C-alpha atoms as a PDB file:
ATOM      1  CA  MET A   1      18.397   6.083   9.203  1.00  0.00           C
ATOM      2  CA  THR A   2      15.893   8.018  11.316  1.00  0.00           C
ATOM      3  CA  PRO A   3      12.297   6.789  11.617  1.00  0.00           C
ATOM      4  CA  GLY A   4      11.045   9.820   9.652  1.00  0.00           C
ATOM      5  CA  PHE A   5      13.296   9.100   6.690  1.00  0.00           C
ATOM      6  CA  ASP A   6      12.476   5.412   6.918  1.00  0.00           C
ATOM      7  CA  PHE A   7       8.775   6.257   6.698  1.00  0.00           C
ATOM      8  CA  ILE A   8       9.287   8.631   3.740  1.00  0.00           C
ATOM      9  CA  PHE A   9      11.412   6.096   1.853  1.00  0.00           C
ATOM     10  CA  ASN A  10       8.792   3.413   2.486  1.00  0.00           C
ATOM     11  CA  ILE A  11       6.094   5.713   1.143  1.00  0.00           C
ATOM     12  CA  LEU A  12       8.145   6.386  -1.995  1.00  0.00           C
ATOM     13  CA  ALA A  13       8.882   2.698  -2.540  1.00  0.00           C
ATOM     14  CA  ASN A  14       5.259   1.697  -2.066  1.00  0.00           C
ATOM     15  CA  LEU A  15       3.969   4.447  -4.340  1.00  0.00           C
ATOM     16  CA  VAL A  16       6.449   3.440  -7.064  1.00  0.00           C
ATOM     17  CA  ILE A  17       5.088  -0.105  -6.863  1.00  0.00           C
ATOM     18  CA  GLU A  18       1.396   0.406  -6.136  1.00  0.00           C
ATOM     19  CA  LEU A  19       0.363   3.341  -8.314  1.00  0.00           C
ATOM     20  CA  PRO A  20       1.367   1.826 -11.663  1.00  0.00           C
ATOM     21  CA  LEU A  21      -0.145  -1.485 -10.603  1.00  0.00           C
ATOM     22  CA  LEU A  22      -3.416   0.151  -9.541  1.00  0.00           C
ATOM     23  CA  PHE A  23      -3.466   2.109 -12.799  1.00  0.00           C
ATOM     24  CA  ILE A  24      -3.010  -1.094 -14.830  1.00  0.00           C
ATOM     25  CA  ILE A  25      -5.692  -2.883 -12.826  1.00  0.00           C
ATOM     26  CA  SER A  26      -8.191  -0.043 -13.133  1.00  0.00           C
ATOM     27  CA  LYS A  27      -7.624   0.823 -16.806  1.00  0.00           C
ATOM     28  CA  PHE A  28      -6.811  -2.477 -18.467  1.00  0.00           C
ATOM     29  CA  ILE A  29      -8.046  -5.329 -16.287  1.00  0.00           C
ATOM     30  CA  MET A  30     -11.205  -3.914 -14.676  1.00  0.00           C
ATOM     31  CA  LYS A  31     -11.728  -1.300 -17.404  1.00  0.00           C
ATOM     32  CA  TRP A  32     -13.183   1.254 -15.029  1.00  0.00           C
ATOM     33  CA  GLY A  33     -14.010   4.634 -16.493  1.00  0.00           C
ATOM     34  CA  TYR A  34     -12.211   6.651 -13.840  1.00  0.00           C
ATOM     35  CA  GLU A  35      -9.921   9.484 -14.789  1.00  0.00           C
ATOM     36  CA  THR A  36      -6.222   8.837 -14.239  1.00  0.00           C
ATOM     37  CA  ASP A  37      -5.940  11.506 -11.554  1.00  0.00           C
ATOM     38  CA  HIS A  38      -8.815   9.926  -9.598  1.00  0.00           C
ATOM     39  CA  VAL A  39      -7.100   6.521  -9.629  1.00  0.00           C
ATOM     40  CA  ILE A  40      -3.739   8.039  -8.646  1.00  0.00           C
ATOM     41  CA  PHE A  41      -5.314  10.116  -5.861  1.00  0.00           C
ATOM     42  CA  SER A  42      -7.255   7.123  -4.495  1.00  0.00           C
ATOM     43  CA  GLY A  43      -4.168   4.911  -4.591  1.00  0.00           C
ATOM     44  CA  THR A  44      -2.016   7.553  -2.933  1.00  0.00           C
ATOM     45  CA  ILE A  45      -4.504   8.115  -0.117  1.00  0.00           C
ATOM     46  CA  GLY A  46      -4.878   4.353   0.418  1.00  0.00           C
ATOM     47  CA  THR A  47      -1.116   3.831   0.519  1.00  0.00           C
ATOM     48  CA  LEU A  48      -0.502   6.789   2.822  1.00  0.00           C
ATOM     49  CA  MET A  49      -3.179   5.641   5.242  1.00  0.00           C
ATOM     50  CA  ARG A  50      -2.025   2.019   5.184  1.00  0.00           C
ATOM     51  CA  LEU A  51       1.595   2.900   5.839  1.00  0.00           C
ATOM     52  CA  SER A  52       0.724   5.447   8.516  1.00  0.00           C
ATOM     53  CA  TYR A  53      -1.292   2.860  10.379  1.00  0.00           C
ATOM     54  CA  VAL A  54       1.264   0.066   9.853  1.00  0.00           C
ATOM     55  CA  PHE A  55       4.144   2.248  11.077  1.00  0.00           C
ATOM     56  CA  TYR A  56       2.499   4.205  13.899  1.00  0.00           C
ATOM     57  CA  ILE A  57      -1.007   3.156  14.958  1.00  0.00           C
ATOM     58  CA  PHE A  58      -1.186  -0.645  14.774  1.00  0.00           C
ATOM     59  CA  PRO A  59       2.102  -1.167  16.685  1.00  0.00           C
ATOM     60  CA  LEU A  60       0.460   0.550  19.657  1.00  0.00           C
ATOM     61  CA  PHE A  61      -2.144  -2.221  19.815  1.00  0.00           C
ATOM     62  CA  VAL A  62      -0.242  -5.242  18.469  1.00  0.00           C
ATOM     63  CA  PRO A  63       2.867  -6.013  20.533  1.00  0.00           C
ATOM     64  CA  SER A  64       5.939  -6.927  18.513  1.00  0.00           C
ATOM     65  CA  SER A  65       6.319 -10.130  20.530  1.00  0.00           C
ATOM     66  CA  VAL A  66       3.246 -11.579  18.809  1.00  0.00           C
ATOM     67  CA  PRO A  67       4.120 -14.380  16.382  1.00  0.00           C
ATOM     68  CA  TYR A  68       3.801 -13.303  12.747  1.00  0.00           C
ATOM     69  CA  TYR A  69       3.826  -9.646  13.805  1.00  0.00           C
ATOM     70  CA  LEU A  70       4.738  -8.315  10.366  1.00  0.00           C
ATOM     71  CA  TYR A  71       2.057 -10.372   8.641  1.00  0.00           C
ATOM     72  CA  ILE A  72      -0.595  -9.229  11.100  1.00  0.00           C
ATOM     73  CA  LEU A  73       0.360  -5.590  10.508  1.00  0.00           C
ATOM     74  CA  GLN A  74       0.236  -6.075   6.740  1.00  0.00           C
ATOM     75  CA  ALA A  75      -3.163  -7.799   6.967  1.00  0.00           C
ATOM     76  CA  LEU A  76      -4.586  -4.956   9.041  1.00  0.00           C
ATOM     77  CA  GLY A  77      -3.099  -2.454   6.600  1.00  0.00           C
ATOM     78  CA  ILE A  78      -4.625  -4.294   3.646  1.00  0.00           C
ATOM     79  CA  LEU A  79      -8.028  -4.216   5.331  1.00  0.00           C
ATOM     80  CA  LEU A  80      -7.703  -0.481   5.879  1.00  0.00           C
ATOM     81  CA  GLU A  81      -6.555   0.150   2.305  1.00  0.00           C
ATOM     82  CA  SER A  82      -9.442  -1.921   0.948  1.00  0.00           C
ATOM     83  CA  ILE A  83     -11.903   0.269   2.846  1.00  0.00           C
ATOM     84  CA  VAL A  84     -10.286   3.379   1.358  1.00  0.00           C
ATOM     85  CA  LEU A  85     -10.417   1.917  -2.161  1.00  0.00           C
ATOM     86  CA  TYR A  86     -13.998   0.794  -1.625  1.00  0.00           C
ATOM     87  CA  ASN A  87     -15.065   4.308  -0.688  1.00  0.00           C
ATOM     88  CA  ALA A  88     -12.860   6.207  -3.145  1.00  0.00           C
ATOM     89  CA  LEU A  89     -13.383   4.081  -6.252  1.00  0.00           C
ATOM     90  CA  ARG A  90     -16.963   3.031  -5.508  1.00  0.00           C
ATOM     91  CA  VAL A  91     -16.395  -0.641  -6.288  1.00  0.00           C
ATOM     92  CA  ASP A  92     -17.853  -3.555  -4.375  1.00  0.00           C
ATOM     93  CA  TYR A  93     -15.898  -4.482  -1.284  1.00  0.00           C
ATOM     94  CA  ASN A  94     -14.726  -7.887  -2.557  1.00  0.00           C
ATOM     95  CA  ARG A  95     -12.995  -6.265  -5.543  1.00  0.00           C
ATOM     96  CA  ALA A  96     -11.490  -3.573  -3.327  1.00  0.00           C
ATOM     97  CA  LEU A  97     -10.164  -6.262  -0.972  1.00  0.00           C
ATOM     98  CA  ILE A  98      -8.665  -8.308  -3.818  1.00  0.00           C
ATOM     99  CA  ILE A  99      -7.024  -5.218  -5.308  1.00  0.00           C
ATOM    100  CA  SER A 100      -5.667  -4.243  -1.908  1.00  0.00           C
ATOM    101  CA  ILE A 101      -4.271  -7.754  -1.402  1.00  0.00           C
ATOM    102  CA  VAL A 102      -2.550  -7.603  -4.800  1.00  0.00           C
ATOM    103  CA  LEU A 103      -1.127  -4.148  -4.057  1.00  0.00           C
ATOM    104  CA  GLY A 104      -0.040  -5.145  -0.557  1.00  0.00           C
ATOM    105  CA  ALA A 105       1.598  -8.358  -1.758  1.00  0.00           C
ATOM    106  CA  ALA A 106       3.471  -6.519  -4.509  1.00  0.00           C
ATOM    107  CA  SER A 107       4.664  -3.921  -2.013  1.00  0.00           C
ATOM    108  CA  PHE A 108       5.653  -6.554   0.508  1.00  0.00           C
ATOM    109  CA  LEU A 109       7.657  -8.469  -2.092  1.00  0.00           C
ATOM    110  CA  PHE A 110       9.281  -5.631  -4.040  1.00  0.00           C
ATOM    111  CA  SER A 111       9.602  -2.671  -1.680  1.00  0.00           C
ATOM    112  CA  PRO A 112      12.852  -3.949  -0.105  1.00  0.00           C
ATOM    113  CA  LYS A 113      14.460  -3.885  -3.557  1.00  0.00           C
ATOM    114  CA  ILE A 114      13.121  -0.394  -4.295  1.00  0.00           C
ATOM    115  CA  LEU A 115      14.219   0.821  -0.848  1.00  0.00           C
ATOM    116  CA  TYR A 116      17.689  -0.547  -1.457  1.00  0.00           C
ATOM    117  CA  PHE A 117      17.826   1.280  -4.784  1.00  0.00           C
ATOM    118  CA  ILE A 118      16.538   4.545  -3.252  1.00  0.00           C
ATOM    119  CA  THR A 119      19.039   4.502  -0.414  1.00  0.00           C
ATOM    120  CA  THR A 120      22.127   3.195  -2.274  1.00  0.00           C
ATOM    121  CA  GLY A 121      21.520   3.958  -5.940  1.00  0.00           C
ATOM    122  CA  LYS A 122      22.351   0.339  -6.882  1.00  0.00           C
ATOM    123  CA  PHE A 123      20.195  -2.597  -7.882  1.00  0.00           C
END
């Protein structure tokens, strides 16, 4: 698979995981009064920025020979996504960071399964 398709499939997998989770967190757990489209737009922008940086920008500065390379990239991506959520949803930074950690952990755990389904059509 080419890097472009890999990136697009990762975006799709992460959006399938993160957007419903962010919607549930914002509507039912935190009970924010945001419109659904605002939550979806904020989550999409956060995910797109996080994945863009994890795939293309951070690897320029963090060599792949560093121990725990993948975890460092995910941590940097979570920090970036939390800043986006903080600014887009106007919540305090601690909540934005916790939400970003939850979203990032869910993506990290479940995106391989979603990617497998997207590329093969099997579970």
